[in-house]
Structure formats: structure tokens, C-alpha cells
PDB file of N, CA and C in Angstrom:
ATOM      1  N   MET A   1      91.865  80.307 123.125  1.00  0.00           N
ATOM      2  CA  MET A   1      91.759  79.917 121.731  1.00  0.00           C
ATOM      3  C   MET A   1      93.009  79.127 121.339  1.00  0.00           C
ATOM      4  N   PRO A   2      92.841  77.964 120.696  1.00  0.00           N
ATOM      5  CA  PRO A   2      93.997  77.148 120.321  1.00  0.00           C
ATOM      6  C   PRO A   2      94.810  77.791 119.200  1.00  0.00           C
ATOM      7  N   VAL A   3      96.086  77.489 119.194  1.00  0.00           N
ATOM      8  CA  VAL A   3      96.982  77.972 118.146  1.00  0.00           C
ATOM      9  C   VAL A   3      96.822  77.066 116.927  1.00  0.00           C
ATOM     10  N   LEU A   4      96.529  77.676 115.796  1.00  0.00           N
ATOM     11  CA  LEU A   4      96.386  76.904 114.559  1.00  0.00           C
ATOM     12  C   LEU A   4      97.757  76.723 113.933  1.00  0.00           C
ATOM     13  N   ARG A   5      98.141  75.480 113.688  1.00  0.00           N
ATOM     14  CA  ARG A   5      99.450  75.183 113.131  1.00  0.00           C
ATOM     15  C   ARG A   5      99.292  74.437 111.822  1.00  0.00           C
ATOM     16  N   GLY A   6     100.286  74.607 110.982  1.00  0.00           N
ATOM     17  CA  GLY A   6     100.333  73.850 109.734  1.00  0.00           C
ATOM     18  C   GLY A   6      99.181  74.145 108.804  1.00  0.00           C
ATOM     19  N   GLN A   7      98.629  73.108 108.223  1.00  0.00           N
ATOM     20  CA  GLN A   7      97.585  73.275 107.213  1.00  0.00           C
ATOM     21  C   GLN A   7      96.285  73.797 107.800  1.00  0.00           C
ATOM     22  N   LEU A   8      96.141  73.790 109.118  1.00  0.00           N
ATOM     23  CA  LEU A   8      94.930  74.322 109.749  1.00  0.00           C
ATOM     24  C   LEU A   8      94.939  75.850 109.807  1.00  0.00           C
ATOM     25  N   HIS A   9      96.115  76.443 109.657  1.00  0.00           N
ATOM     26  CA  HIS A   9      96.214  77.899 109.677  1.00  0.00           C
ATOM     27  C   HIS A   9      95.615  78.459 108.385  1.00  0.00           C
ATOM     28  N   PRO A  10      94.818  79.529 108.490  1.00  0.00           N
ATOM     29  CA  PRO A  10      94.135  80.048 107.299  1.00  0.00           C
ATOM     30  C   PRO A  10      95.062  80.530 106.186  1.00  0.00           C
ATOM     31  N   SER A  11      96.283  80.932 106.509  1.00  0.00           N
ATOM     32  CA  SER A  11      97.182  81.430 105.464  1.00  0.00           C
ATOM     33  C   SER A  11      98.176  80.371 104.980  1.00  0.00           C
ATOM     34  N   ALA A  12      98.001  79.127 105.358  1.00  0.00           N
ATOM     35  CA  ALA A  12      98.911  78.053 104.952  1.00  0.00           C
ATOM     36  C   ALA A  12      98.825  77.817 103.449  1.00  0.00           C
ATOM     37  N   LYS A  13      99.976  77.688 102.820  1.00  0.00           N
ATOM     38  CA  LYS A  13     100.037  77.417 101.382  1.00  0.00           C
ATOM     39  C   LYS A  13     100.362  75.950 101.101  1.00  0.00           C
ATOM     40  N   LEU A  14     100.773  75.234 102.140  1.00  0.00           N
ATOM     41  CA  LEU A  14     101.153  73.829 101.982  1.00  0.00           C
ATOM     42  C   LEU A  14     100.316  72.958 102.903  1.00  0.00           C
ATOM     43  N   THR A  15     100.257  71.691 102.558  1.00  0.00           N
ATOM     44  CA  THR A  15      99.606  70.720 103.433  1.00  0.00           C
ATOM     45  C   THR A  15     100.697  69.977 104.206  1.00  0.00           C
ATOM     46  N   ASP A  16     100.292  69.261 105.237  1.00  0.00           N
ATOM     47  CA  ASP A  16     101.251  68.476 106.008  1.00  0.00           C
ATOM     48  C   ASP A  16     101.973  67.475 105.111  1.00  0.00           C
ATOM     49  N   SER A  17     101.235  66.844 104.214  1.00  0.00           N
ATOM     50  CA  SER A  17     101.852  65.848 103.334  1.00  0.00           C
ATOM     51  C   SER A  17     102.876  66.474 102.387  1.00  0.00           C
ATOM     52  N   GLN A  18     102.637  67.705 101.938  1.00  0.00           N
ATOM     53  CA  GLN A  18     103.618  68.376 101.074  1.00  0.00           C
ATOM     54  C   GLN A  18     104.900  68.664 101.844  1.00  0.00           C
ATOM     55  N   VAL A  19     104.769  69.092 103.089  1.00  0.00           N
ATOM     56  CA  VAL A  19     105.947  69.388 103.913  1.00  0.00           C
ATOM     57  C   VAL A  19     106.746  68.111 104.157  1.00  0.00           C
ATOM     58  N   ILE A  20     106.063  67.032 104.454  1.00  0.00           N
ATOM     59  CA  ILE A  20     106.749  65.757 104.657  1.00  0.00           C
ATOM     60  C   ILE A  20     107.452  65.325 103.376  1.00  0.00           C
ATOM     61  N   GLU A  21     106.803  65.527 102.236  1.00  0.00           N
ATOM     62  CA  GLU A  21     107.406  65.179 100.948  1.00  0.00           C
ATOM     63  C   GLU A  21     108.642  66.042 100.661  1.00  0.00           C
ATOM     64  N   ILE A  22     108.586  67.330 100.981  1.00  0.00           N
ATOM     65  CA  ILE A  22     109.741  68.222 100.800  1.00  0.00           C
ATOM     66  C   ILE A  22     110.909  67.709 101.627  1.00  0.00           C
ATOM     67  N   ARG A  23     110.648  67.350 102.864  1.00  0.00           N
ATOM     68  CA  ARG A  23     111.712  66.841 103.732  1.00  0.00           C
ATOM     69  C   ARG A  23     112.246  65.495 103.244  1.00  0.00           C
ATOM     70  N   LYS A  24     111.379  64.653 102.723  1.00  0.00           N
ATOM     71  CA  LYS A  24     111.828  63.360 102.165  1.00  0.00           C
ATOM     72  C   LYS A  24     112.721  63.581 100.948  1.00  0.00           C
ATOM     73  N   LEU A  25     112.311  64.498 100.062  1.00  0.00           N
ATOM     74  CA  LEU A  25     113.127  64.798  98.882  1.00  0.00           C
ATOM     75  C   LEU A  25     114.514  65.269  99.296  1.00  0.00           C
ATOM     76  N   TRP A  26     114.572  66.152 100.271  1.00  0.00           N
ATOM     77  CA  TRP A  26     115.851  66.679 100.738  1.00  0.00           C
ATOM     78  C   TRP A  26     116.693  65.550 101.328  1.00  0.00           C
ATOM     79  N   ASN A  27     116.055  64.697 102.097  1.00  0.00           N
ATOM     80  CA  ASN A  27     116.749  63.589 102.738  1.00  0.00           C
ATOM     81  C   ASN A  27     117.277  62.584 101.721  1.00  0.00           C
ATOM     82  N   MET A  28     116.581  62.453 100.586  1.00  0.00           N
ATOM     83  CA  MET A  28     117.009  61.532  99.528  1.00  0.00           C
ATOM     84  C   MET A  28     118.126  62.116  98.668  1.00  0.00           C
ATOM     85  N   GLY A  29     118.427  63.405  98.827  1.00  0.00           N
ATOM     86  CA  GLY A  29     119.541  63.982  98.092  1.00  0.00           C
ATOM     87  C   GLY A  29     119.180  65.033  97.071  1.00  0.00           C
ATOM     88  N   HIS A  30     117.911  65.381  96.939  1.00  0.00           N
ATOM     89  CA  HIS A  30     117.525  66.448  96.021  1.00  0.00           C
ATOM     90  C   HIS A  30     117.913  67.777  96.643  1.00  0.00           C
ATOM     91  N   ARG A  31     118.916  68.454  96.079  1.00  0.00           N
ATOM     92  CA  ARG A  31     119.476  69.649  96.697  1.00  0.00           C
ATOM     93  C   ARG A  31     119.102  70.951  95.990  1.00  0.00           C
ATOM     94  N   ASN A  32     118.232  70.891  94.992  1.00  0.00           N
ATOM     95  CA  ASN A  32     117.838  72.102  94.288  1.00  0.00           C
ATOM     96  C   ASN A  32     116.580  72.679  94.942  1.00  0.00           C
ATOM     97  N   ILE A  33     116.802  73.577  95.897  1.00  0.00           N
ATOM     98  CA  ILE A  33     115.703  74.156  96.670  1.00  0.00           C
ATOM     99  C   ILE A  33     114.772  74.965  95.781  1.00  0.00           C
ATOM    100  N   ARG A  34     115.330  75.626  94.787  1.00  0.00           N
ATOM    101  CA  ARG A  34     114.489  76.440  93.893  1.00  0.00           C
ATOM    102  C   ARG A  34     113.462  75.579  93.145  1.00  0.00           C
ATOM    103  N   VAL A  35     113.878  74.429  92.682  1.00  0.00           N
ATOM    104  CA  VAL A  35     112.960  73.532  91.965  1.00  0.00           C
ATOM    105  C   VAL A  35     111.893  72.997  92.915  1.00  0.00           C
ATOM    106  N   ILE A  36     112.302  72.595  94.107  1.00  0.00           N
ATOM    107  CA  ILE A  36     111.340  72.107  95.100  1.00  0.00           C
ATOM    108  C   ILE A  36     110.324  73.199  95.408  1.00  0.00           C
ATOM    109  N   ALA A  37     110.797  74.422  95.594  1.00  0.00           N
ATOM    110  CA  ALA A  37     109.910  75.549  95.905  1.00  0.00           C
ATOM    111  C   ALA A  37     108.945  75.812  94.755  1.00  0.00           C
ATOM    112  N   GLN A  38     109.463  75.834  93.544  1.00  0.00           N
ATOM    113  CA  GLN A  38     108.641  76.096  92.369  1.00  0.00           C
ATOM    114  C   GLN A  38     107.573  75.014  92.185  1.00  0.00           C
ATOM    115  N   ASN A  39     107.932  73.783  92.410  1.00  0.00           N
ATOM    116  CA  ASN A  39     106.983  72.675  92.254  1.00  0.00           C
ATOM    117  C   ASN A  39     105.862  72.720  93.283  1.00  0.00           C
ATOM    118  N   ASN A  40     106.120  73.354  94.424  1.00  0.00           N
ATOM    119  CA  ASN A  40     105.121  73.413  95.489  1.00  0.00           C
ATOM    120  C   ASN A  40     104.457  74.784  95.611  1.00  0.00           C
ATOM    121  N   GLY A  41     104.844  75.719  94.769  1.00  0.00           N
ATOM    122  CA  GLY A  41     104.209  77.037  94.751  1.00  0.00           C
ATOM    123  C   GLY A  41     104.529  77.911  95.944  1.00  0.00           C
ATOM    124  N   VAL A  42     105.724  77.750  96.499  1.00  0.00           N
ATOM    125  CA  VAL A  42     106.160  78.577  97.623  1.00  0.00           C
ATOM    126  C   VAL A  42     107.542  79.142  97.325  1.00  0.00           C
ATOM    127  N   SER A  43     108.036  79.983  98.220  1.00  0.00           N
ATOM    128  CA  SER A  43     109.316  80.643  97.993  1.00  0.00           C
ATOM    129  C   SER A  43     110.493  79.758  98.387  1.00  0.00           C
ATOM    130  N   TYR A  44     111.652  80.151  97.891  1.00  0.00           N
ATOM    131  CA  TYR A  44     112.912  79.488  98.226  1.00  0.00           C
ATOM    132  C   TYR A  44     113.125  79.503  99.732  1.00  0.00           C
ATOM    133  N   SER A  45     112.914  80.670 100.337  1.00  0.00           N
ATOM    134  CA  SER A  45     113.156  80.798 101.778  1.00  0.00           C
ATOM    135  C   SER A  45     112.188  79.948 102.590  1.00  0.00           C
ATOM    136  N   ASN A  46     110.964  79.788 102.107  1.00  0.00           N
ATOM    137  CA  ASN A  46     109.999  78.947 102.794  1.00  0.00           C
ATOM    138  C   ASN A  46     110.478  77.497 102.825  1.00  0.00           C
ATOM    139  N   VAL A  47     110.950  76.987 101.709  1.00  0.00           N
ATOM    140  CA  VAL A  47     111.454  75.611 101.649  1.00  0.00           C
ATOM    141  C   VAL A  47     112.697  75.466 102.517  1.00  0.00           C
ATOM    142  N   LYS A  48     113.561  76.446 102.489  1.00  0.00           N
ATOM    143  CA  LYS A  48     114.773  76.393 103.303  1.00  0.00           C
ATOM    144  C   LYS A  48     114.436  76.321 104.792  1.00  0.00           C
ATOM    145  N   LYS A  49     113.426  77.086 105.216  1.00  0.00           N
ATOM    146  CA  LYS A  49     112.994  77.056 106.617  1.00  0.00           C
ATOM    147  C   LYS A  49     112.372  75.714 106.971  1.00  0.00           C
ATOM    148  N   ILE A  50     111.657  75.112 106.041  1.00  0.00           N
ATOM    149  CA  ILE A  50     111.068  73.781 106.272  1.00  0.00           C
ATOM    150  C   ILE A  50     112.178  72.748 106.447  1.00  0.00           C
ATOM    151  N   ILE A  51     113.163  72.787 105.566  1.00  0.00           N
ATOM    152  CA  ILE A  51     114.271  71.829 105.612  1.00  0.00           C
ATOM    153  C   ILE A  51     115.082  71.985 106.896  1.00  0.00           C
ATOM    154  N   ASN A  52     115.285  73.224 107.331  1.00  0.00           N
ATOM    155  CA  ASN A  52     116.067  73.487 108.538  1.00  0.00           C
ATOM    156  C   ASN A  52     115.239  73.411 109.814  1.00  0.00           C
ATOM    157  N   ASN A  53     113.989  72.981 109.684  1.00  0.00           N
ATOM    158  CA  ASN A  53     113.075  72.792 110.809  1.00  0.00           C
ATOM    159  C   ASN A  53     112.835  74.083 111.601  1.00  0.00           C
ATOM    160  N   LYS A  54     112.788  75.205 110.894  1.00  0.00           N
ATOM    161  CA  LYS A  54     112.453  76.489 111.510  1.00  0.00           C
ATOM    162  C   LYS A  54     110.949  76.720 111.475  1.00  0.00           C
ATOM    163  N   THR A  55     110.274  76.110 110.517  1.00  0.00           N
ATOM    164  CA  THR A  55     108.822  76.179 110.416  1.00  0.00           C
ATOM    165  C   THR A  55     108.285  74.759 110.314  1.00  0.00           C
ATOM    166  N   TRP A  56     107.021  74.600 110.524  1.00  0.00           N
ATOM    167  CA  TRP A  56     106.355  73.303 110.488  1.00  0.00           C
ATOM    168  C   TRP A  56     107.022  72.343 111.473  1.00  0.00           C
ATOM    169  N   THR A  57     107.399  72.854 112.633  1.00  0.00           N
ATOM    170  CA  THR A  57     108.115  72.058 113.630  1.00  0.00           C
ATOM    171  C   THR A  57     107.239  70.970 114.241  1.00  0.00           C
ATOM    172  N   HIS A  58     105.925  71.122 114.175  1.00  0.00           N
ATOM    173  CA  HIS A  58     105.049  70.086 114.710  1.00  0.00           C
ATOM    174  C   HIS A  58     105.149  68.788 113.910  1.00  0.00           C
ATOM    175  N   LEU A  59     105.766  68.857 112.741  1.00  0.00           N
ATOM    176  CA  LEU A  59     105.977  67.657 111.928  1.00  0.00           C
ATOM    177  C   LEU A  59     107.403  67.121 112.059  1.00  0.00           C
ATOM    178  N   SER A  60     108.137  67.600 113.041  1.00  0.00           N
ATOM    179  CA  SER A  60     109.544  67.205 113.165  1.00  0.00           C
ATOM    180  C   SER A  60     109.718  65.724 113.482  1.00  0.00           C
ATOM    181  N   THR A  61     108.673  65.054 113.996  1.00  0.00           N
ATOM    182  CA  THR A  61     108.791  63.624 114.269  1.00  0.00           C
ATOM    183  C   THR A  61     108.927  62.815 112.982  1.00  0.00           C
ATOM    184  N   PHE A  62     108.497  63.387 111.852  1.00  0.00           N
ATOM    185  CA  PHE A  62     108.615  62.706 110.574  1.00  0.00           C
ATOM    186  C   PHE A  62     109.948  62.988 109.893  1.00  0.00           C
ATOM    187  N   TRP A  63     110.711  63.887 110.449  1.00  0.00           N
ATOM    188  CA  TRP A  63     111.942  64.351 109.826  1.00  0.00           C
ATOM    189  C   TRP A  63     113.111  63.524 110.318  1.00  0.00           C
ATOM    190  N   GLY A  64     113.703  62.760 109.396  1.00  0.00           N
ATOM    191  CA  GLY A  64     114.841  61.906 109.585  1.00  0.00           C
ATOM    192  C   GLY A  64     115.417  61.871 110.917  1.00  0.00           C
TER     193      GLY A  64
END
């Protein structure tokens, strides 16, 4: 059985495009993780893991 990653996983709260947008915002200098998290309906720690490439690693080719 294949491993479901990203937005294909049944418990995913974000889409691939949202994750890419979060990383773009961070790369452009938006440093308020709480606001980014609130705008996307996820936790602070979730956004921090996305930014640090601990989760959603299959999208790392889009990350700066």
C-alpha cells in the first residue's frame, strides 16, 4: 500500500499550495508564525515544522 503524503493524507489540514505559500511568506520576510498559523487554521508548531522542513518534505524542491 502506498504512503499517502501531503494533501492526499486523510487527516491533512493543508493543501500543497498552502504549504508552498507559507514557505514563500517566510522566505519573503514574514516572521510572525502565529499570524501565518491563524490564517491557515493550523497550530504554531505545525507552521514551524513546515518552515523548518520537518514536515511536508516532499515539497522541499519548492523551498528556496
